[in-house]
PDB file of N, CA and C in Angstrom:
ATOM      1  N   MET A   1       0.656  -1.275   0.020  1.00  0.00           N
ATOM      2  CA  MET A   1      -0.211   0.034   0.265  1.00  0.00           C
ATOM      3  C   MET A   1       1.345   1.770  -0.921  1.00  0.00           C
ATOM      4  N   LYS A   2       0.934   2.403  -0.991  1.00  0.00           N
ATOM      5  CA  LYS A   2       1.230   3.293  -0.558  1.00  0.00           C
ATOM      6  C   LYS A   2       0.883   4.238  -1.467  1.00  0.00           C
ATOM      7  N   GLN A   3      -0.173   4.206  -0.998  1.00  0.00           N
ATOM      8  CA  GLN A   3      -0.913   5.562  -1.505  1.00  0.00           C
ATOM      9  C   GLN A   3      -2.877   5.137  -0.689  1.00  0.00           C
ATOM     10  N   ILE A   4      -3.101   6.253   0.160  1.00  0.00           N
ATOM     11  CA  ILE A   4      -4.183   6.034   0.588  1.00  0.00           C
ATOM     12  C   ILE A   4      -5.614   6.683   0.301  1.00  0.00           C
ATOM     13  N   PHE A   5      -6.553   6.626  -0.582  1.00  0.00           N
ATOM     14  CA  PHE A   5      -7.544   7.646  -0.717  1.00  0.00           C
ATOM     15  C   PHE A   5      -8.426   7.572  -0.037  1.00  0.00           C
ATOM     16  N   LYS A   6      -9.577   8.335   0.908  1.00  0.00           N
ATOM     17  CA  LYS A   6     -10.675   8.454   1.756  1.00  0.00           C
ATOM     18  C   LYS A   6     -12.112   8.903   0.888  1.00  0.00           C
ATOM     19  N   VAL A   7     -12.568   8.407   1.059  1.00  0.00           N
ATOM     20  CA  VAL A   7     -13.896   8.831  -0.350  1.00  0.00           C
ATOM     21  C   VAL A   7     -15.049   8.753   0.613  1.00  0.00           C
ATOM     22  N   SER A   8     -16.128  10.565   0.998  1.00  0.00           N
ATOM     23  CA  SER A   8     -17.317  10.583   1.043  1.00  0.00           C
ATOM     24  C   SER A   8     -17.782  10.802   1.513  1.00  0.00           C
ATOM     25  N   THR A   9     -19.280  10.288   1.685  1.00  0.00           N
ATOM     26  CA  THR A   9     -20.185  10.793   1.169  1.00  0.00           C
ATOM     27  C   THR A   9     -20.149  12.562   1.948  1.00  0.00           C
ATOM     28  N   ASP A  10     -19.727  12.931   2.502  1.00  0.00           N
ATOM     29  CA  ASP A  10     -19.806  14.421   3.316  1.00  0.00           C
ATOM     30  C   ASP A  10     -19.235  15.584   2.210  1.00  0.00           C
ATOM     31  N   SER A  11     -18.550  14.723   2.149  1.00  0.00           N
ATOM     32  CA  SER A  11     -17.690  15.960   0.689  1.00  0.00           C
ATOM     33  C   SER A  11     -17.232  15.562  -0.404  1.00  0.00           C
ATOM     34  N   LEU A  12     -17.270  16.739  -0.741  1.00  0.00           N
ATOM     35  CA  LEU A  12     -17.738  16.794  -2.610  1.00  0.00           C
ATOM     36  C   LEU A  12     -15.715  17.013  -2.515  1.00  0.00           C
ATOM     37  N   GLY A  13     -14.677  15.822  -3.824  1.00  0.00           N
ATOM     38  CA  GLY A  13     -13.730  15.976  -4.346  1.00  0.00           C
ATOM     39  C   GLY A  13     -13.318  16.267  -5.778  1.00  0.00           C
ATOM     40  N   ARG A  14     -12.612  15.254  -5.749  1.00  0.00           N
ATOM     41  CA  ARG A  14     -11.511  15.749  -7.673  1.00  0.00           C
ATOM     42  C   ARG A  14     -10.532  14.510  -7.288  1.00  0.00           C
ATOM     43  N   CYS A  15     -10.927  13.599  -8.102  1.00  0.00           N
ATOM     44  CA  CYS A  15      -9.582  12.791  -8.052  1.00  0.00           C
ATOM     45  C   CYS A  15      -8.503  13.432  -8.021  1.00  0.00           C
ATOM     46  N   PRO A  16      -7.053  12.756  -7.944  1.00  0.00           N
ATOM     47  CA  PRO A  16      -6.236  13.674  -7.652  1.00  0.00           C
ATOM     48  C   PRO A  16      -5.637  12.593  -8.609  1.00  0.00           C
ATOM     49  N   TYR A  17      -5.745  12.592 -10.001  1.00  0.00           N
ATOM     50  CA  TYR A  17      -5.059  11.814 -10.557  1.00  0.00           C
ATOM     51  C   TYR A  17      -5.893  12.802 -12.518  1.00  0.00           C
ATOM     52  N   CYS A  18      -7.618  12.853 -12.115  1.00  0.00           N
ATOM     53  CA  CYS A  18      -8.097  13.018 -12.643  1.00  0.00           C
ATOM     54  C   CYS A  18      -8.729  14.570 -12.578  1.00  0.00           C
ATOM     55  N   SER A  19      -8.652  16.121 -12.599  1.00  0.00           N
ATOM     56  CA  SER A  19      -9.390  16.847 -12.596  1.00  0.00           C
ATOM     57  C   SER A  19     -10.854  17.493 -12.518  1.00  0.00           C
ATOM     58  N   ASN A  20     -10.513  17.073 -13.374  1.00  0.00           N
ATOM     59  CA  ASN A  20     -12.939  16.860 -13.464  1.00  0.00           C
ATOM     60  C   ASN A  20     -13.175  15.716 -13.401  1.00  0.00           C
ATOM     61  N   VAL A  21     -12.436  14.962 -12.274  1.00  0.00           N
ATOM     62  CA  VAL A  21     -13.975  14.063 -11.922  1.00  0.00           C
ATOM     63  C   VAL A  21     -14.653  14.253 -10.378  1.00  0.00           C
ATOM     64  N   ASP A  22     -15.438  14.277 -10.530  1.00  0.00           N
ATOM     65  CA  ASP A  22     -16.151  14.480  -9.299  1.00  0.00           C
ATOM     66  C   ASP A  22     -15.885  13.319  -8.535  1.00  0.00           C
ATOM     67  N   VAL A  23     -15.451  13.145  -6.676  1.00  0.00           N
ATOM     68  CA  VAL A  23     -15.141  11.685  -6.318  1.00  0.00           C
ATOM     69  C   VAL A  23     -15.990  12.016  -4.660  1.00  0.00           C
ATOM     70  N   GLY A  24     -16.690  11.301  -4.323  1.00  0.00           N
ATOM     71  CA  GLY A  24     -17.512  12.067  -2.516  1.00  0.00           C
ATOM     72  C   GLY A  24     -18.768  12.544  -3.428  1.00  0.00           C
ATOM     73  N   GLY A  25     -19.416  13.194  -1.635  1.00  0.00           N
ATOM     74  CA  GLY A  25     -20.397  13.668  -1.991  1.00  0.00           C
ATOM     75  C   GLY A  25     -21.535  12.973  -3.287  1.00  0.00           C
ATOM     76  N   LEU A  26     -22.249  13.068  -3.931  1.00  0.00           N
ATOM     77  CA  LEU A  26     -23.594  12.939  -3.973  1.00  0.00           C
ATOM     78  C   LEU A  26     -23.146  11.733  -5.203  1.00  0.00           C
ATOM     79  N   ALA A  27     -21.512  12.118  -5.972  1.00  0.00           N
ATOM     80  CA  ALA A  27     -20.519  11.980  -6.287  1.00  0.00           C
ATOM     81  C   ALA A  27     -19.670  10.177  -6.166  1.00  0.00           C
ATOM     82  N   PHE A  28     -21.061  10.229  -4.510  1.00  0.00           N
ATOM     83  CA  PHE A  28     -19.880   8.757  -4.085  1.00  0.00           C
ATOM     84  C   PHE A  28     -19.478   7.787  -4.830  1.00  0.00           C
ATOM     85  N   GLU A  29     -21.075   7.243  -5.144  1.00  0.00           N
ATOM     86  CA  GLU A  29     -20.434   5.729  -6.248  1.00  0.00           C
ATOM     87  C   GLU A  29     -19.911   5.867  -7.291  1.00  0.00           C
ATOM     88  N   ASN A  30     -20.071   7.087  -7.848  1.00  0.00           N
ATOM     89  CA  ASN A  30     -19.265   7.395  -8.909  1.00  0.00           C
ATOM     90  C   ASN A  30     -18.204   7.120  -8.620  1.00  0.00           C
ATOM     91  N   GLY A  31     -17.263   8.240  -8.065  1.00  0.00           N
ATOM     92  CA  GLY A  31     -16.311   8.474  -7.984  1.00  0.00           C
ATOM     93  C   GLY A  31     -15.742   6.602  -7.270  1.00  0.00           C
ATOM     94  N   ILE A  32     -15.958   5.603  -7.097  1.00  0.00           N
ATOM     95  CA  ILE A  32     -15.065   4.658  -5.906  1.00  0.00           C
ATOM     96  C   ILE A  32     -15.961   4.004  -6.893  1.00  0.00           C
ATOM     97  N   ASN A  33     -15.681   3.815  -8.162  1.00  0.00           N
ATOM     98  CA  ASN A  33     -15.095   2.877  -8.494  1.00  0.00           C
ATOM     99  C   ASN A  33     -14.832   3.502 -10.297  1.00  0.00           C
ATOM    100  N   HIS A  34     -14.713   4.921 -10.199  1.00  0.00           N
ATOM    101  CA  HIS A  34     -14.056   5.499 -11.044  1.00  0.00           C
ATOM    102  C   HIS A  34     -12.711   5.437 -10.330  1.00  0.00           C
ATOM    103  N   MET A  35     -11.876   5.143  -9.697  1.00  0.00           N
ATOM    104  CA  MET A  35     -11.052   4.576  -8.843  1.00  0.00           C
ATOM    105  C   MET A  35     -10.475   3.086  -8.919  1.00  0.00           C
ATOM    106  N   LEU A  36     -11.473   2.417  -8.681  1.00  0.00           N
ATOM    107  CA  LEU A  36     -11.464   0.896  -9.320  1.00  0.00           C
ATOM    108  C   LEU A  36     -10.808   1.243 -10.711  1.00  0.00           C
ATOM    109  N   LYS A  37     -11.873   1.179 -10.864  1.00  0.00           N
ATOM    110  CA  LYS A  37     -11.865   1.549 -12.649  1.00  0.00           C
ATOM    111  C   LYS A  37      -9.728   1.798 -13.427  1.00  0.00           C
ATOM    112  N   ASN A  38     -10.352   2.870 -13.040  1.00  0.00           N
ATOM    113  CA  ASN A  38      -9.113   4.126 -13.517  1.00  0.00           C
ATOM    114  C   ASN A  38      -7.788   4.186 -13.725  1.00  0.00           C
ATOM    115  N   HIS A  39      -8.072   3.619 -11.856  1.00  0.00           N
ATOM    116  CA  HIS A  39      -6.327   4.238 -11.600  1.00  0.00           C
ATOM    117  C   HIS A  39      -5.947   2.673 -10.734  1.00  0.00           C
ATOM    118  N   ASP A  40      -6.395   1.520 -10.422  1.00  0.00           N
ATOM    119  CA  ASP A  40      -6.776   0.723  -9.950  1.00  0.00           C
ATOM    120  C   ASP A  40      -6.000   0.516  -8.683  1.00  0.00           C
ATOM    121  N   TYR A  41      -7.362   1.055  -7.940  1.00  0.00           N
ATOM    122  CA  TYR A  41      -6.560   1.699  -6.240  1.00  0.00           C
ATOM    123  C   TYR A  41      -8.578   0.415  -5.895  1.00  0.00           C
ATOM    124  N   LYS A  42      -7.526  -0.361  -5.032  1.00  0.00           N
ATOM    125  CA  LYS A  42      -8.779  -1.081  -4.059  1.00  0.00           C
ATOM    126  C   LYS A  42      -9.654  -0.583  -3.471  1.00  0.00           C
ATOM    127  N   ILE A  43     -10.779  -1.407  -2.563  1.00  0.00           N
ATOM    128  CA  ILE A  43     -10.944  -1.599  -1.888  1.00  0.00           C
ATOM    129  C   ILE A  43     -10.722  -2.044  -0.168  1.00  0.00           C
ATOM    130  N   GLU A  44     -10.313  -1.063   1.242  1.00  0.00           N
ATOM    131  CA  GLU A  44      -9.583  -1.527   1.732  1.00  0.00           C
ATOM    132  C   GLU A  44     -10.907  -2.652   2.840  1.00  0.00           C
ATOM    133  N   HIS A  45     -11.687  -0.460   3.064  1.00  0.00           N
ATOM    134  CA  HIS A  45     -11.984  -0.569   4.082  1.00  0.00           C
ATOM    135  C   HIS A  45     -13.967   0.197   3.708  1.00  0.00           C
ATOM    136  N   ILE A  46     -14.980  -0.010   3.238  1.00  0.00           N
ATOM    137  CA  ILE A  46     -16.530   1.035   3.539  1.00  0.00           C
ATOM    138  C   ILE A  46     -17.154   0.927   5.640  1.00  0.00           C
ATOM    139  N   GLY A  47     -18.264   1.837   5.970  1.00  0.00           N
ATOM    140  CA  GLY A  47     -19.328   1.879   7.043  1.00  0.00           C
ATOM    141  C   GLY A  47     -19.241   3.897   6.768  1.00  0.00           C
ATOM    142  N   THR A  48     -18.845   3.828   8.121  1.00  0.00           N
ATOM    143  CA  THR A  48     -19.583   4.677   8.300  1.00  0.00           C
ATOM    144  C   THR A  48     -18.823   5.456   9.701  1.00  0.00           C
ATOM    145  N   GLU A  49     -18.799   7.030   9.272  1.00  0.00           N
ATOM    146  CA  GLU A  49     -18.208   8.167  10.531  1.00  0.00           C
ATOM    147  C   GLU A  49     -19.605   8.621  11.718  1.00  0.00           C
ATOM    148  N   THR A  50     -19.155   9.201  11.925  1.00  0.00           N
ATOM    149  CA  THR A  50     -19.774   9.690  12.890  1.00  0.00           C
ATOM    150  C   THR A  50     -18.898  11.283  12.261  1.00  0.00           C
ATOM    151  N   ILE A  51     -19.754  12.305  12.731  1.00  0.00           N
ATOM    152  CA  ILE A  51     -18.533  14.237  11.868  1.00  0.00           C
ATOM    153  C   ILE A  51     -19.299  15.190  13.054  1.00  0.00           C
ATOM    154  N   GLU A  52     -19.111  15.663  13.815  1.00  0.00           N
ATOM    155  CA  GLU A  52     -19.532  16.760  13.917  1.00  0.00           C
ATOM    156  C   GLU A  52     -20.002  18.313  13.125  1.00  0.00           C
ATOM    157  N   GLY A  53     -21.279  18.402  12.951  1.00  0.00           N
ATOM    158  CA  GLY A  53     -21.665  19.696  12.125  1.00  0.00           C
ATOM    159  C   GLY A  53     -22.006  20.594  12.777  1.00  0.00           C
ATOM    160  N   ASP A  54     -22.720  21.712  11.768  1.00  0.00           N
ATOM    161  CA  ASP A  54     -23.013  22.993  12.496  1.00  0.00           C
ATOM    162  C   ASP A  54     -25.324  22.197  12.783  1.00  0.00           C
ATOM    163  N   LEU A  55     -25.719  21.269  13.571  1.00  0.00           N
ATOM    164  CA  LEU A  55     -26.672  20.588  13.527  1.00  0.00           C
ATOM    165  C   LEU A  55     -26.657  19.722  15.077  1.00  0.00           C
ATOM    166  N   GLY A  56     -25.586  19.136  14.908  1.00  0.00           N
ATOM    167  CA  GLY A  56     -24.992  18.410  15.462  1.00  0.00           C
ATOM    168  C   GLY A  56     -24.331  17.461  15.059  1.00  0.00           C
ATOM    169  N   LEU A  57     -23.748  16.048  15.318  1.00  0.00           N
ATOM    170  CA  LEU A  57     -23.176  14.714  15.255  1.00  0.00           C
ATOM    171  C   LEU A  57     -23.910  14.128  14.472  1.00  0.00           C
ATOM    172  N   TYR A  58     -23.407  13.560  13.309  1.00  0.00           N
ATOM    173  CA  TYR A  58     -24.673  13.203  11.995  1.00  0.00           C
ATOM    174  C   TYR A  58     -23.416  11.898  11.702  1.00  0.00           C
ATOM    175  N   HIS A  59     -24.491  11.036  11.149  1.00  0.00           N
ATOM    176  CA  HIS A  59     -23.792  10.240  10.297  1.00  0.00           C
ATOM    177  C   HIS A  59     -23.247   9.894   9.059  1.00  0.00           C
ATOM    178  N   THR A  60     -22.178   9.555   8.043  1.00  0.00           N
ATOM    179  CA  THR A  60     -22.211   9.860   6.957  1.00  0.00           C
ATOM    180  C   THR A  60     -20.862   8.504   6.684  1.00  0.00           C
ATOM    181  N   THR A  61     -20.471   7.782   5.100  1.00  0.00           N
ATOM    182  CA  THR A  61     -20.134   7.332   4.517  1.00  0.00           C
ATOM    183  C   THR A  61     -18.881   6.785   3.657  1.00  0.00           C
ATOM    184  N   ILE A  62     -18.051   6.111   4.529  1.00  0.00           N
ATOM    185  CA  ILE A  62     -17.004   6.761   3.479  1.00  0.00           C
ATOM    186  C   ILE A  62     -17.076   5.563   3.416  1.00  0.00           C
ATOM    187  N   ALA A  63     -15.140   5.848   2.252  1.00  0.00           N
ATOM    188  CA  ALA A  63     -14.363   4.111   1.886  1.00  0.00           C
ATOM    189  C   ALA A  63     -13.557   4.623   1.970  1.00  0.00           C
ATOM    190  N   ILE A  64     -12.573   3.948   2.489  1.00  0.00           N
ATOM    191  CA  ILE A  64     -11.117   4.262   2.461  1.00  0.00           C
ATOM    192  C   ILE A  64     -10.980   3.269   1.716  1.00  0.00           C
ATOM    193  N   LEU A  65      -9.542   3.759   0.322  1.00  0.00           N
ATOM    194  CA  LEU A  65      -9.379   2.773  -0.575  1.00  0.00           C
ATOM    195  C   LEU A  65      -7.430   3.130  -0.894  1.00  0.00           C
ATOM    196  N   SER A  66      -7.154   2.403  -2.069  1.00  0.00           N
ATOM    197  CA  SER A  66      -5.595   1.375  -1.136  1.00  0.00           C
ATOM    198  C   SER A  66      -4.774   2.008  -3.515  1.00  0.00           C
ATOM    199  N   SER A  67      -3.811   2.108  -3.285  1.00  0.00           N
ATOM    200  CA  SER A  67      -3.482   1.256  -4.870  1.00  0.00           C
ATOM    201  C   SER A  67      -1.581   1.053  -4.444  1.00  0.00           C
ATOM    202  N   GLY A  68      -1.185   0.177  -4.680  1.00  0.00           N
ATOM    203  CA  GLY A  68      -0.363  -0.188  -4.944  1.00  0.00           C
ATOM    204  C   GLY A  68       1.414   0.717  -5.579  1.00  0.00           C
ATOM    205  N   THR A  69       1.250   1.327  -5.846  1.00  0.00           N
ATOM    206  CA  THR A  69       1.537   2.449  -6.835  1.00  0.00           C
ATOM    207  C   THR A  69       2.004   4.116  -6.482  1.00  0.00           C
TER     208      THR A  69
END
């Protein structure tokens, strides 16, 4: 494992390799699929994370991906 990448439903980000591809937020599933198919990442963990926001605590879904390169 050389690269670790976290994807969360809580925040929209961009692919670190393809700056025009959304990863996370509403693009959670598509972002994970993009990283798996286009950049040979593997899923290490999918689960929930508790985050404190303006309205208190809430749960988000996260995926931890890894790459050997």
